[in-house]
Amino acid sequence: MPAADDLTHALRSNLFGGVGPAWALDDADGSGVRVCVLDSGVGEHPLVGPIDQAWEVVTQEGRVPRVRPCEPGDDAGHGTACAGIIRQLAPRVSLSSMKVLAGGRSGSAAALLAGLHHAVEEGFDVINMSLSTARPEYRGRLSELCDRAYFRRCTLVVAAHNLPIESFPWNFASVISVASHAEPDPMRFYYNPAPPVEFCARGVRVPVATPGGGTMRNSGNSFAAPHIAGIAALALSKHPWLTPFQLKSVLYHCAANVSTQGEDDEVRVERQY
């Protein structure tokens, strides 16, 4: 096994049967795949298109958070920005919204748990989470819920925290964790050979949807995660039988720094981002 700080490793490519970008993504458009954006809500915007379902988590002091249907809307614009990225990459995907951040970009860990539980039970194929919690008392319950999603064939794509602090669930093995790179190609992403972050996607000066129908450029891991969510939706629309484990493996073989080299057709990983 390579050392943790080794920048390359090699495996025989014939172990993987030619899996790569062409096999996984060519001619895919997201058809038949249901994606939920768990965030500040999703509002109407030309870059977002139709929202098939929308819910919000209602919290009251002293009561258990509850989930109820609502009209699409987004007070902060964060979820709308994420949804627009997913739609641009996978134009035929079915998009839904779970609003867990009330009135802005902050919310409670209890609301996050309630919203995620509902989304998992709804049977979404992919859930994009450009958020996390730093409350350690919720780690166990959140880990159990992410495991439940994993075994129900629901792929969680989660943005790593922008700051070097411990937060969850991006560092759980049951999710696909994403950080940013600064390149402009929305389809170009890298595998990270030194986890816990597993993939790096476009996340610097990304053109995103804003409230009122406009656009602006924004940066952060929040906007890298929906790039991977959109690419995952493409792969699932072409290969709907993929489990979360298999989907993560396919993404590995589609990463820009994973290549076949040498006379023995070895798969090599280089740290190029």
C-alpha atoms as a PDB file:
ATOM      1  CA  MET A   1       0.000   0.000   0.000  1.00  0.00           C
ATOM      2  CA  PRO A   2       1.400   3.470  -0.861  1.00  0.00           C
ATOM      3  CA  ALA A   3       2.402   5.792   1.958  1.00  0.00           C
ATOM      4  CA  ALA A   4      -0.147   8.457   2.869  1.00  0.00           C
ATOM      5  CA  ASP A   5       2.096  11.206   1.478  1.00  0.00           C
ATOM      6  CA  ASP A   6       2.889   9.402  -1.776  1.00  0.00           C
ATOM      7  CA  LEU A   7       1.646  11.510  -4.709  1.00  0.00           C
ATOM      8  CA  THR A   8       1.177   8.645  -7.162  1.00  0.00           C
ATOM      9  CA  HIS A   9       0.133   5.044  -7.124  1.00  0.00           C
ATOM     10  CA  ALA A  10      -0.386   2.468  -9.832  1.00  0.00           C
ATOM     11  CA  LEU A  11      -2.854  -0.338 -10.476  1.00  0.00           C
ATOM     12  CA  ARG A  12      -3.443  -2.481 -13.541  1.00  0.00           C
ATOM     13  CA  SER A  13      -6.161  -0.828 -15.641  1.00  0.00           C
ATOM     14  CA  ASN A  14      -7.599  -4.168 -16.767  1.00  0.00           C
ATOM     15  CA  LEU A  15      -9.020  -4.513 -13.261  1.00  0.00           C
ATOM     16  CA  PHE A  16     -11.610  -1.860 -14.136  1.00  0.00           C
ATOM     17  CA  GLY A  17     -12.841  -2.819 -17.601  1.00  0.00           C
ATOM     18  CA  GLY A  18     -12.332   0.505 -19.380  1.00  0.00           C
ATOM     19  CA  VAL A  19     -14.367   2.635 -16.972  1.00  0.00           C
ATOM     20  CA  GLY A  20     -13.703   6.312 -17.697  1.00  0.00           C
ATOM     21  CA  PRO A  21     -15.362   9.576 -18.790  1.00  0.00           C
ATOM     22  CA  ALA A  22     -16.632   8.232 -22.117  1.00  0.00           C
ATOM     23  CA  TRP A  23     -18.167   5.148 -20.524  1.00  0.00           C
ATOM     24  CA  ALA A  24     -19.654   7.096 -17.624  1.00  0.00           C
ATOM     25  CA  LEU A  25     -20.774  10.397 -19.103  1.00  0.00           C
ATOM     26  CA  ASP A  26     -20.989  10.502 -22.904  1.00  0.00           C
ATOM     27  CA  ASP A  27     -24.501  11.419 -24.132  1.00  0.00           C
ATOM     28  CA  ALA A  28     -25.858  11.599 -20.560  1.00  0.00           C
ATOM     29  CA  ASP A  29     -28.183  14.469 -19.620  1.00  0.00           C
ATOM     30  CA  GLY A  30     -29.478  13.579 -16.144  1.00  0.00           C
ATOM     31  CA  SER A  31     -32.748  12.045 -17.325  1.00  0.00           C
ATOM     32  CA  GLY A  32     -34.478   9.887 -14.733  1.00  0.00           C
ATOM     33  CA  VAL A  33     -32.327  11.068 -11.827  1.00  0.00           C
ATOM     34  CA  ARG A  34     -33.848  12.819  -8.795  1.00  0.00           C
ATOM     35  CA  VAL A  35     -31.627  15.339  -7.009  1.00  0.00           C
ATOM     36  CA  CYS A  36     -32.455  17.208  -3.810  1.00  0.00           C
ATOM     37  CA  VAL A  37     -30.681  20.424  -2.830  1.00  0.00           C
ATOM     38  CA  LEU A  38     -30.595  20.554   0.966  1.00  0.00           C
ATOM     39  CA  ASP A  39     -29.822  24.184   1.678  1.00  0.00           C
ATOM     40  CA  SER A  40     -31.466  27.593   2.087  1.00  0.00           C
ATOM     41  CA  GLY A  41     -34.218  26.675  -0.346  1.00  0.00           C
ATOM     42  CA  VAL A  42     -34.323  27.074  -4.122  1.00  0.00           C
ATOM     43  CA  GLY A  43     -35.986  30.014  -5.797  1.00  0.00           C
ATOM     44  CA  GLU A  44     -37.222  30.605  -9.323  1.00  0.00           C
ATOM     45  CA  HIS A  45     -34.444  31.395 -11.771  1.00  0.00           C
ATOM     46  CA  PRO A  46     -33.819  30.803 -15.503  1.00  0.00           C
ATOM     47  CA  LEU A  47     -30.662  28.833 -14.691  1.00  0.00           C
ATOM     48  CA  VAL A  48     -32.531  26.572 -12.280  1.00  0.00           C
ATOM     49  CA  GLY A  49     -35.613  25.687 -14.290  1.00  0.00           C
ATOM     50  CA  PRO A  50     -38.497  23.732 -12.779  1.00  0.00           C
ATOM     51  CA  ILE A  51     -38.469  22.621  -9.154  1.00  0.00           C
ATOM     52  CA  ASP A  52     -40.434  19.408  -8.840  1.00  0.00           C
ATOM     53  CA  GLN A  53     -40.915  19.371  -5.056  1.00  0.00           C
ATOM     54  CA  ALA A  54     -40.080  21.709  -2.203  1.00  0.00           C
ATOM     55  CA  TRP A  55     -40.146  21.318   1.573  1.00  0.00           C
ATOM     56  CA  GLU A  56     -39.037  23.370   4.549  1.00  0.00           C
ATOM     57  CA  VAL A  57     -38.068  22.420   8.075  1.00  0.00           C
ATOM     58  CA  VAL A  58     -40.092  24.301  10.676  1.00  0.00           C
ATOM     59  CA  THR A  59     -38.460  24.782  14.065  1.00  0.00           C
ATOM     60  CA  GLN A  60     -40.091  26.031  17.257  1.00  0.00           C
ATOM     61  CA  GLU A  61     -38.470  26.308  20.652  1.00  0.00           C
ATOM     62  CA  GLY A  62     -39.173  23.242  22.750  1.00  0.00           C
ATOM     63  CA  ARG A  63     -40.575  21.233  19.851  1.00  0.00           C
ATOM     64  CA  VAL A  64     -39.169  18.634  17.480  1.00  0.00           C
ATOM     65  CA  PRO A  65     -38.467  20.094  14.010  1.00  0.00           C
ATOM     66  CA  ARG A  66     -41.020  19.091  11.407  1.00  0.00           C
ATOM     67  CA  VAL A  67     -40.959  19.030   7.621  1.00  0.00           C
ATOM     68  CA  ARG A  68     -43.782  20.477   5.550  1.00  0.00           C
ATOM     69  CA  PRO A  69     -44.325  21.153   1.828  1.00  0.00           C
ATOM     70  CA  CYS A  70     -43.778  24.733   0.705  1.00  0.00           C
ATOM     71  CA  GLU A  71     -43.526  26.856  -2.403  1.00  0.00           C
ATOM     72  CA  PRO A  72     -40.043  27.115  -3.941  1.00  0.00           C
ATOM     73  CA  GLY A  73     -38.173  30.050  -2.444  1.00  0.00           C
ATOM     74  CA  ASP A  74     -34.787  31.074  -1.144  1.00  0.00           C
ATOM     75  CA  ASP A  75     -34.159  33.999   1.214  1.00  0.00           C
ATOM     76  CA  ALA A  76     -30.364  33.778   0.946  1.00  0.00           C
ATOM     77  CA  GLY A  77     -29.767  32.639  -2.634  1.00  0.00           C
ATOM     78  CA  HIS A  78     -27.249  29.976  -1.603  1.00  0.00           C
ATOM     79  CA  GLY A  79     -29.390  26.974  -2.496  1.00  0.00           C
ATOM     80  CA  THR A  80     -30.501  28.604  -5.743  1.00  0.00           C
ATOM     81  CA  ALA A  81     -26.858  29.059  -6.744  1.00  0.00           C
ATOM     82  CA  CYS A  82     -26.157  25.375  -6.076  1.00  0.00           C
ATOM     83  CA  ALA A  83     -29.257  24.228  -7.949  1.00  0.00           C
ATOM     84  CA  GLY A  84     -28.316  26.318 -10.981  1.00  0.00           C
ATOM     85  CA  ILE A  85     -24.909  24.625 -11.193  1.00  0.00           C
ATOM     86  CA  ILE A  86     -26.491  21.167 -11.078  1.00  0.00           C
ATOM     87  CA  ARG A  87     -29.024  22.117 -13.772  1.00  0.00           C
ATOM     88  CA  GLN A  88     -26.330  23.454 -16.099  1.00  0.00           C
ATOM     89  CA  LEU A  89     -24.397  20.185 -15.912  1.00  0.00           C
ATOM     90  CA  ALA A  90     -27.394  17.811 -15.944  1.00  0.00           C
ATOM     91  CA  PRO A  91     -30.172  19.690 -17.777  1.00  0.00           C
ATOM     92  CA  ARG A  92     -32.767  16.887 -17.672  1.00  0.00           C
ATOM     93  CA  VAL A  93     -32.390  16.086 -13.995  1.00  0.00           C
ATOM     94  CA  SER A  94     -35.372  16.308 -11.622  1.00  0.00           C
ATOM     95  CA  LEU A  95     -34.547  18.988  -9.028  1.00  0.00           C
ATOM     96  CA  SER A  96     -36.177  19.339  -5.616  1.00  0.00           C
ATOM     97  CA  SER A  97     -35.497  21.548  -2.611  1.00  0.00           C
ATOM     98  CA  MET A  98     -35.249  20.944   1.127  1.00  0.00           C
ATOM     99  CA  LYS A  99     -34.965  24.214   3.040  1.00  0.00           C
ATOM    100  CA  VAL A 100     -33.089  23.711   6.307  1.00  0.00           C
ATOM    101  CA  LEU A 101     -31.526  27.177   6.657  1.00  0.00           C
ATOM    102  CA  ALA A 102     -34.150  29.667   7.804  1.00  0.00           C
ATOM    103  CA  GLY A 103     -33.847  33.313   6.825  1.00  0.00           C
ATOM    104  CA  GLY A 104     -30.244  33.151   5.705  1.00  0.00           C
ATOM    105  CA  ARG A 105     -27.214  30.902   5.651  1.00  0.00           C
ATOM    106  CA  SER A 106     -27.403  29.535   9.181  1.00  0.00           C
ATOM    107  CA  GLY A 107     -29.644  27.031  10.891  1.00  0.00           C
ATOM    108  CA  SER A 108     -29.782  24.403  13.599  1.00  0.00           C
ATOM    109  CA  ALA A 109     -28.223  20.946  13.506  1.00  0.00           C
ATOM    110  CA  ALA A 110     -31.628  19.556  14.490  1.00  0.00           C
ATOM    111  CA  ALA A 111     -33.175  21.118  11.364  1.00  0.00           C
ATOM    112  CA  LEU A 112     -30.372  19.657   9.259  1.00  0.00           C
ATOM    113  CA  LEU A 113     -31.061  16.185  10.648  1.00  0.00           C
ATOM    114  CA  ALA A 114     -34.816  16.486  10.106  1.00  0.00           C
ATOM    115  CA  GLY A 115     -34.441  17.699   6.539  1.00  0.00           C
ATOM    116  CA  LEU A 116     -31.851  15.114   5.617  1.00  0.00           C
ATOM    117  CA  HIS A 117     -33.917  12.302   7.134  1.00  0.00           C
ATOM    118  CA  HIS A 118     -36.939  13.351   5.083  1.00  0.00           C
ATOM    119  CA  ALA A 119     -34.903  13.614   1.868  1.00  0.00           C
ATOM    120  CA  VAL A 120     -33.407  10.161   2.392  1.00  0.00           C
ATOM    121  CA  GLU A 121     -36.843   8.663   3.038  1.00  0.00           C
ATOM    122  CA  GLU A 122     -38.129  10.324  -0.154  1.00  0.00           C
ATOM    123  CA  GLY A 123     -35.679   8.146  -2.065  1.00  0.00           C
ATOM    124  CA  PHE A 124     -33.638  10.763  -3.892  1.00  0.00           C
ATOM    125  CA  ASP A 125     -30.765   9.459  -5.990  1.00  0.00           C
ATOM    126  CA  VAL A 126     -28.447  12.353  -5.088  1.00  0.00           C
ATOM    127  CA  ILE A 127     -28.597  14.896  -2.258  1.00  0.00           C
ATOM    128  CA  ASN A 128     -26.372  17.962  -2.478  1.00  0.00           C
ATOM    129  CA  MET A 129     -25.293  19.377   0.890  1.00  0.00           C
ATOM    130  CA  SER A 130     -23.229  22.556   0.641  1.00  0.00           C
ATOM    131  CA  LEU A 131     -23.339  22.910   4.414  1.00  0.00           C
ATOM    132  CA  SER A 132     -22.226  21.184   7.609  1.00  0.00           C
ATOM    133  CA  THR A 133     -22.458  21.364  11.383  1.00  0.00           C
ATOM    134  CA  ALA A 134     -19.662  21.756  13.911  1.00  0.00           C
ATOM    135  CA  ARG A 135     -21.801  20.507  16.817  1.00  0.00           C
ATOM    136  CA  PRO A 136     -20.054  17.316  18.038  1.00  0.00           C
ATOM    137  CA  GLU A 137     -23.124  16.109  19.940  1.00  0.00           C
ATOM    138  CA  TYR A 138     -24.873  15.527  16.592  1.00  0.00           C
ATOM    139  CA  ARG A 139     -22.043  13.590  15.001  1.00  0.00           C
ATOM    140  CA  GLY A 140     -23.355  10.136  15.944  1.00  0.00           C
ATOM    141  CA  ARG A 141     -26.910  10.727  14.737  1.00  0.00           C
ATOM    142  CA  LEU A 142     -25.689  12.354  11.547  1.00  0.00           C
ATOM    143  CA  SER A 143     -23.311   9.463  10.864  1.00  0.00           C
ATOM    144  CA  GLU A 144     -26.130   6.944  11.291  1.00  0.00           C
ATOM    145  CA  LEU A 145     -28.326   8.925   8.905  1.00  0.00           C
ATOM    146  CA  CYS A 146     -25.571   9.136   6.277  1.00  0.00           C
ATOM    147  CA  ASP A 147     -25.053   5.384   6.572  1.00  0.00           C
ATOM    148  CA  ARG A 148     -28.786   4.893   6.088  1.00  0.00           C
ATOM    149  CA  ALA A 149     -28.650   6.963   2.917  1.00  0.00           C
ATOM    150  CA  TYR A 150     -25.662   4.958   1.664  1.00  0.00           C
ATOM    151  CA  PHE A 151     -27.433   1.631   2.077  1.00  0.00           C
ATOM    152  CA  ARG A 152     -30.618   3.000   0.514  1.00  0.00           C
ATOM    153  CA  ARG A 153     -28.665   3.871  -2.670  1.00  0.00           C
ATOM    154  CA  CYS A 154     -28.883   7.588  -1.968  1.00  0.00           C
ATOM    155  CA  THR A 155     -25.616   9.389  -2.752  1.00  0.00           C
ATOM    156  CA  LEU A 156     -24.762  12.337  -0.504  1.00  0.00           C
ATOM    157  CA  VAL A 157     -22.443  14.920  -2.082  1.00  0.00           C
ATOM    158  CA  VAL A 158     -21.128  17.189   0.666  1.00  0.00           C
ATOM    159  CA  ALA A 159     -18.967  20.318   0.575  1.00  0.00           C
ATOM    160  CA  ALA A 160     -15.958  20.354   2.874  1.00  0.00           C
ATOM    161  CA  HIS A 161     -15.834  23.245   5.327  1.00  0.00           C
ATOM    162  CA  ASN A 162     -14.014  26.282   3.965  1.00  0.00           C
ATOM    163  CA  LEU A 163     -12.142  26.702   7.252  1.00  0.00           C
ATOM    164  CA  PRO A 164      -9.822  24.203   9.003  1.00  0.00           C
ATOM    165  CA  ILE A 165     -12.332  23.263  11.690  1.00  0.00           C
ATOM    166  CA  GLU A 166     -13.937  19.945  12.498  1.00  0.00           C
ATOM    167  CA  SER A 167     -17.425  19.699  11.051  1.00  0.00           C
ATOM    168  CA  PHE A 168     -19.754  17.030   9.696  1.00  0.00           C
ATOM    169  CA  PRO A 169     -20.808  15.176   7.551  1.00  0.00           C
ATOM    170  CA  TRP A 170     -18.291  15.929   4.795  1.00  0.00           C
ATOM    171  CA  ASN A 171     -15.591  13.810   6.494  1.00  0.00           C
ATOM    172  CA  PHE A 172     -17.736  10.652   6.744  1.00  0.00           C
ATOM    173  CA  ALA A 173     -16.722   7.734   4.525  1.00  0.00           C
ATOM    174  CA  SER A 174     -20.357   7.201   3.489  1.00  0.00           C
ATOM    175  CA  VAL A 175     -20.525  10.509   1.579  1.00  0.00           C
ATOM    176  CA  ILE A 176     -18.687  12.031  -1.376  1.00  0.00           C
ATOM    177  CA  SER A 177     -16.680  14.956  -0.015  1.00  0.00           C
ATOM    178  CA  VAL A 178     -15.735  17.904  -2.233  1.00  0.00           C
ATOM    179  CA  ALA A 179     -13.385  20.888  -2.075  1.00  0.00           C
ATOM    180  CA  SER A 180     -12.463  23.497  -4.703  1.00  0.00           C
ATOM    181  CA  HIS A 181      -9.988  24.011  -7.490  1.00  0.00           C
ATOM    182  CA  ALA A 182      -9.515  27.255  -9.423  1.00  0.00           C
ATOM    183  CA  GLU A 183      -9.808  26.027 -13.017  1.00  0.00           C
ATOM    184  CA  PRO A 184     -12.738  27.264 -15.170  1.00  0.00           C
ATOM    185  CA  ASP A 185     -13.905  23.964 -16.722  1.00  0.00           C
ATOM    186  CA  PRO A 186     -17.103  22.855 -14.903  1.00  0.00           C
ATOM    187  CA  MET A 187     -16.611  19.233 -15.959  1.00  0.00           C
ATOM    188  CA  ARG A 188     -12.982  18.983 -14.827  1.00  0.00           C
ATOM    189  CA  PHE A 189     -12.451  17.526 -11.380  1.00  0.00           C
ATOM    190  CA  TYR A 190      -9.646  15.792  -9.518  1.00  0.00           C
ATOM    191  CA  TYR A 191      -9.327  12.887  -7.143  1.00  0.00           C
ATOM    192  CA  ASN A 192      -7.483  13.736  -3.935  1.00  0.00           C
ATOM    193  CA  PRO A 193      -5.025  10.946  -3.018  1.00  0.00           C
ATOM    194  CA  ALA A 194      -4.766  12.337   0.525  1.00  0.00           C
ATOM    195  CA  PRO A 195      -8.297  12.310   2.010  1.00  0.00           C
ATOM    196  CA  PRO A 196     -10.549  13.052   3.918  1.00  0.00           C
ATOM    197  CA  VAL A 197     -11.574  15.341   1.020  1.00  0.00           C
ATOM    198  CA  GLU A 198     -12.015  12.979  -1.919  1.00  0.00           C
ATOM    199  CA  PHE A 199     -12.587  15.226  -4.927  1.00  0.00           C
ATOM    200  CA  CYS A 200     -11.852  18.791  -5.994  1.00  0.00           C
ATOM    201  CA  ALA A 201     -14.137  20.546  -8.490  1.00  0.00           C
ATOM    202  CA  ARG A 202     -14.575  24.055  -9.810  1.00  0.00           C
ATOM    203  CA  GLY A 203     -15.178  26.408  -6.907  1.00  0.00           C
ATOM    204  CA  VAL A 204     -13.422  29.721  -7.638  1.00  0.00           C
ATOM    205  CA  ARG A 205     -15.200  32.596  -9.381  1.00  0.00           C
ATOM    206  CA  VAL A 206     -18.059  30.356 -10.407  1.00  0.00           C
ATOM    207  CA  PRO A 207     -20.921  32.102 -12.242  1.00  0.00           C
ATOM    208  CA  VAL A 208     -23.989  31.337 -10.135  1.00  0.00           C
ATOM    209  CA  ALA A 209     -27.678  32.216 -10.104  1.00  0.00           C
ATOM    210  CA  THR A 210     -28.710  35.064  -7.817  1.00  0.00           C
ATOM    211  CA  PRO A 211     -32.133  36.176  -6.532  1.00  0.00           C
ATOM    212  CA  GLY A 212     -34.036  38.218  -9.070  1.00  0.00           C
ATOM    213  CA  GLY A 213     -32.836  36.300 -12.104  1.00  0.00           C
ATOM    214  CA  GLY A 214     -29.282  37.599 -12.298  1.00  0.00           C
ATOM    215  CA  THR A 215     -25.862  36.011 -11.960  1.00  0.00           C
ATOM    216  CA  MET A 216     -22.655  36.752 -10.116  1.00  0.00           C
ATOM    217  CA  ARG A 217     -19.309  35.068  -9.561  1.00  0.00           C
ATOM    218  CA  ASN A 218     -18.781  33.401  -6.218  1.00  0.00           C
ATOM    219  CA  SER A 219     -16.170  31.145  -4.633  1.00  0.00           C
ATOM    220  CA  GLY A 220     -16.111  28.389  -2.058  1.00  0.00           C
ATOM    221  CA  ASN A 221     -16.464  24.676  -1.550  1.00  0.00           C
ATOM    222  CA  SER A 222     -20.234  25.232  -1.505  1.00  0.00           C
ATOM    223  CA  PHE A 223     -20.095  25.728  -5.260  1.00  0.00           C
ATOM    224  CA  ALA A 224     -17.690  22.868  -5.910  1.00  0.00           C
ATOM    225  CA  ALA A 225     -20.033  20.242  -4.433  1.00  0.00           C
ATOM    226  CA  PRO A 226     -22.897  20.825  -6.907  1.00  0.00           C
ATOM    227  CA  HIS A 227     -20.474  20.319  -9.785  1.00  0.00           C
ATOM    228  CA  ILE A 228     -19.816  16.793  -8.498  1.00  0.00           C
ATOM    229  CA  ALA A 229     -23.531  16.322  -7.778  1.00  0.00           C
ATOM    230  CA  GLY A 230     -24.332  17.226 -11.381  1.00  0.00           C
ATOM    231  CA  ILE A 231     -21.648  14.921 -12.772  1.00  0.00           C
ATOM    232  CA  ALA A 232     -22.878  12.138 -10.493  1.00  0.00           C
ATOM    233  CA  ALA A 233     -26.385  12.662 -11.863  1.00  0.00           C
ATOM    234  CA  LEU A 234     -25.044  12.316 -15.401  1.00  0.00           C
ATOM    235  CA  ALA A 235     -23.383   9.014 -14.541  1.00  0.00           C
ATOM    236  CA  LEU A 236     -26.538   7.718 -12.849  1.00  0.00           C
ATOM    237  CA  SER A 237     -28.727   8.689 -15.791  1.00  0.00           C
ATOM    238  CA  LYS A 238     -26.568   6.517 -18.034  1.00  0.00           C
ATOM    239  CA  HIS A 239     -25.942   3.752 -15.478  1.00  0.00           C
ATOM    240  CA  PRO A 240     -28.867   3.803 -12.995  1.00  0.00           C
ATOM    241  CA  TRP A 241     -27.751   0.559 -11.350  1.00  0.00           C
ATOM    242  CA  LEU A 242     -24.706   2.198  -9.749  1.00  0.00           C
ATOM    243  CA  THR A 243     -24.628   2.057  -5.944  1.00  0.00           C
ATOM    244  CA  PRO A 244     -23.035   4.946  -3.995  1.00  0.00           C
ATOM    245  CA  PHE A 245     -19.869   2.855  -3.620  1.00  0.00           C
ATOM    246  CA  GLN A 246     -19.758   2.109  -7.347  1.00  0.00           C
ATOM    247  CA  LEU A 247     -20.558   5.719  -8.245  1.00  0.00           C
ATOM    248  CA  LYS A 248     -17.675   6.986  -6.139  1.00  0.00           C
ATOM    249  CA  SER A 249     -15.377   4.503  -7.880  1.00  0.00           C
ATOM    250  CA  VAL A 250     -16.610   5.670 -11.293  1.00  0.00           C
ATOM    251  CA  LEU A 251     -15.906   9.295 -10.343  1.00  0.00           C
ATOM    252  CA  TYR A 252     -12.381   8.250  -9.378  1.00  0.00           C
ATOM    253  CA  HIS A 253     -11.826   6.836 -12.867  1.00  0.00           C
ATOM    254  CA  CYS A 254     -13.255   9.984 -14.468  1.00  0.00           C
ATOM    255  CA  ALA A 255     -11.002  12.369 -12.528  1.00  0.00           C
ATOM    256  CA  ALA A 256      -8.588  14.453 -14.599  1.00  0.00           C
ATOM    257  CA  ASN A 257      -5.531  13.313 -12.637  1.00  0.00           C
ATOM    258  CA  VAL A 258      -6.296   9.598 -13.019  1.00  0.00           C
ATOM    259  CA  SER A 259      -4.791   8.213 -16.212  1.00  0.00           C
ATOM    260  CA  THR A 260      -3.512   5.083 -17.884  1.00  0.00           C
ATOM    261  CA  GLN A 261       0.246   5.131 -18.461  1.00  0.00           C
ATOM    262  CA  GLY A 262       3.081   2.813 -19.341  1.00  0.00           C
ATOM    263  CA  GLU A 263       3.432  -0.446 -21.180  1.00  0.00           C
ATOM    264  CA  ASP A 264       1.525  -2.305 -18.478  1.00  0.00           C
ATOM    265  CA  ASP A 265      -1.541   0.000 -18.747  1.00  0.00           C
ATOM    266  CA  GLU A 266      -1.259   1.118 -15.157  1.00  0.00           C
ATOM    267  CA  VAL A 267      -3.812   3.501 -13.669  1.00  0.00           C
ATOM    268  CA  ARG A 268      -1.854   6.358 -12.119  1.00  0.00           C
ATOM    269  CA  VAL A 269      -2.970   9.187  -9.837  1.00  0.00           C
ATOM    270  CA  GLU A 270      -1.036  12.440  -9.729  1.00  0.00           C
ATOM    271  CA  ARG A 271      -1.574  15.469  -7.554  1.00  0.00           C
ATOM    272  CA  GLN A 272      -2.112  18.054 -10.291  1.00  0.00           C
ATOM    273  CA  TYR A 273      -4.531  20.566  -8.774  1.00  0.00           C
END
